[in-house]
Amino acid sequence: MTRNAFKMKLKPGFEAEYQKRHDQIWPELSKVLTEAGVCDYSIFLDAETSTLFAVQKLADGHTADHLPSHPVVRKWWNYMADIMEVHPDHSPVCIPLPEVFYKT
């Protein structure tokens, strides 16, 4: 099991909408993430900076690297593109965060 963390940027004023969309996450997206070996996935919001901090666990042998080409993931990115900083293909701008401390 590997832990993975990254940050993304929410457009200001869209905190409630971001929360709403994730409260209503599509079952097919949850299924795709689980099948790719993504689990224990959390996203935290720093409301002062509109920065989103994501932490997830990736199972040994995960296929998360293939998620960007999955149609459901692409559809989700298109759905979220109006409220987040994204690349031209609507994938979120994600900045990896290296782990500097871990306590079990």
Protein backbone atom coordinates (compact mmCIF):
# COMPACT_ATOMS: atom_id res chain seq x y z
CA MET A 1 0.00 0.00 0.00
CA THR A 2 1.32 3.42 -0.98
CA ARG A 3 0.13 6.80 0.25
CA ASN A 4 -0.22 9.53 -2.35
CA ALA A 5 -0.84 13.23 -1.67
CA PHE A 6 -1.33 16.19 -3.97
CA LYS A 7 -2.87 19.63 -4.03
CA MET A 8 -5.32 21.26 -6.41
CA LYS A 9 -6.86 24.71 -6.59
CA LEU A 10 -10.54 25.58 -6.26
CA LYS A 11 -11.80 28.76 -7.86
CA PRO A 12 -12.80 31.24 -5.12
CA GLY A 13 -16.46 31.23 -4.18
CA PHE A 14 -17.10 27.60 -5.20
CA GLU A 15 -16.53 25.92 -1.84
CA ALA A 16 -20.19 24.96 -1.33
CA GLU A 17 -20.58 23.74 -4.91
CA TYR A 18 -17.42 21.63 -4.65
CA GLN A 19 -18.73 20.07 -1.43
CA LYS A 20 -22.15 19.45 -2.99
CA ARG A 21 -20.71 17.71 -6.03
CA HIS A 22 -18.56 15.45 -3.87
CA ASP A 23 -21.46 14.70 -1.53
CA GLN A 24 -23.23 13.41 -4.64
CA ILE A 25 -20.25 11.57 -6.13
CA TRP A 26 -21.28 9.31 -8.95
CA PRO A 27 -21.40 5.62 -8.00
CA GLU A 28 -19.71 4.72 -11.29
CA LEU A 29 -16.78 7.01 -10.44
CA SER A 30 -16.43 5.48 -6.98
CA LYS A 31 -16.44 2.04 -8.58
CA VAL A 32 -13.73 2.98 -11.12
CA LEU A 33 -11.52 4.39 -8.35
CA THR A 34 -11.95 1.26 -6.23
CA GLU A 35 -11.24 -1.03 -9.17
CA ALA A 36 -8.04 0.94 -9.88
CA GLY A 37 -6.85 0.33 -6.31
CA VAL A 38 -7.60 3.79 -4.88
CA CYS A 39 -8.89 3.67 -1.32
CA ASP A 40 -9.03 5.76 1.82
CA TYR A 41 -9.28 8.90 -0.35
CA SER A 42 -9.78 12.25 1.40
CA ILE A 43 -9.76 15.83 0.15
CA PHE A 44 -9.31 18.74 2.55
CA LEU A 45 -9.95 22.42 1.83
CA ASP A 46 -7.86 25.35 3.03
CA ALA A 47 -10.60 27.99 2.74
CA GLU A 48 -8.12 30.86 3.12
CA THR A 49 -6.28 29.93 -0.07
CA SER A 50 -8.88 27.78 -1.88
CA THR A 51 -6.27 25.03 -1.93
CA LEU A 52 -7.48 21.43 -1.93
CA PHE A 53 -5.23 18.82 -0.30
CA ALA A 54 -5.87 15.25 -1.39
CA VAL A 55 -4.58 12.11 0.30
CA GLN A 56 -5.24 8.61 -0.95
CA LYS A 57 -3.93 5.11 -0.52
CA LEU A 58 -3.01 3.05 -3.55
CA ALA A 59 -3.11 -0.73 -3.31
CA ASP A 60 -0.13 -2.78 -4.37
CA GLY A 61 -0.52 -3.45 -8.09
CA HIS A 62 -2.87 -0.47 -8.50
CA THR A 63 -3.79 0.81 -11.95
CA ALA A 64 -4.42 4.43 -10.92
CA ASP A 65 -2.01 5.60 -13.62
CA HIS A 66 -4.61 4.52 -16.20
CA LEU A 67 -7.45 6.57 -14.65
CA PRO A 68 -6.88 9.69 -16.81
CA SER A 69 -7.94 7.75 -19.90
CA HIS A 70 -11.11 6.27 -18.37
CA PRO A 71 -14.32 7.77 -19.82
CA VAL A 72 -15.98 8.20 -16.40
CA VAL A 73 -12.95 10.06 -15.05
CA ARG A 74 -12.88 12.28 -18.15
CA LYS A 75 -16.59 13.00 -17.69
CA TRP A 76 -15.99 13.93 -14.02
CA TRP A 77 -13.14 16.25 -14.98
CA ASN A 78 -15.39 17.99 -17.52
CA TYR A 79 -18.06 18.33 -14.84
CA MET A 80 -15.60 19.89 -12.37
CA ALA A 81 -13.73 22.13 -14.83
CA ASP A 82 -15.89 25.20 -14.20
CA ILE A 83 -14.98 25.37 -10.49
CA MET A 84 -11.31 24.29 -10.41
CA GLU A 85 -8.03 25.20 -12.01
CA VAL A 86 -7.61 22.76 -14.89
CA HIS A 87 -5.42 22.03 -17.88
CA PRO A 88 -6.79 22.54 -21.43
CA ASP A 89 -8.02 18.90 -21.44
CA HIS A 90 -9.96 19.67 -18.20
CA SER A 91 -7.73 17.47 -16.04
CA PRO A 92 -7.21 19.18 -12.69
CA VAL A 93 -3.93 20.93 -12.07
CA CYS A 94 -2.41 18.58 -9.48
CA ILE A 95 0.83 19.27 -7.68
CA PRO A 96 2.37 16.22 -5.99
CA LEU A 97 3.22 16.60 -2.32
CA PRO A 98 6.21 14.61 -1.08
CA GLU A 99 5.82 12.88 2.24
CA VAL A 100 8.10 14.33 4.89
CA PHE A 101 6.66 12.68 8.00
CA TYR A 102 4.44 9.72 8.79
CA LYS A 103 3.38 8.33 12.16
CA THR A 104 1.38 5.13 12.45
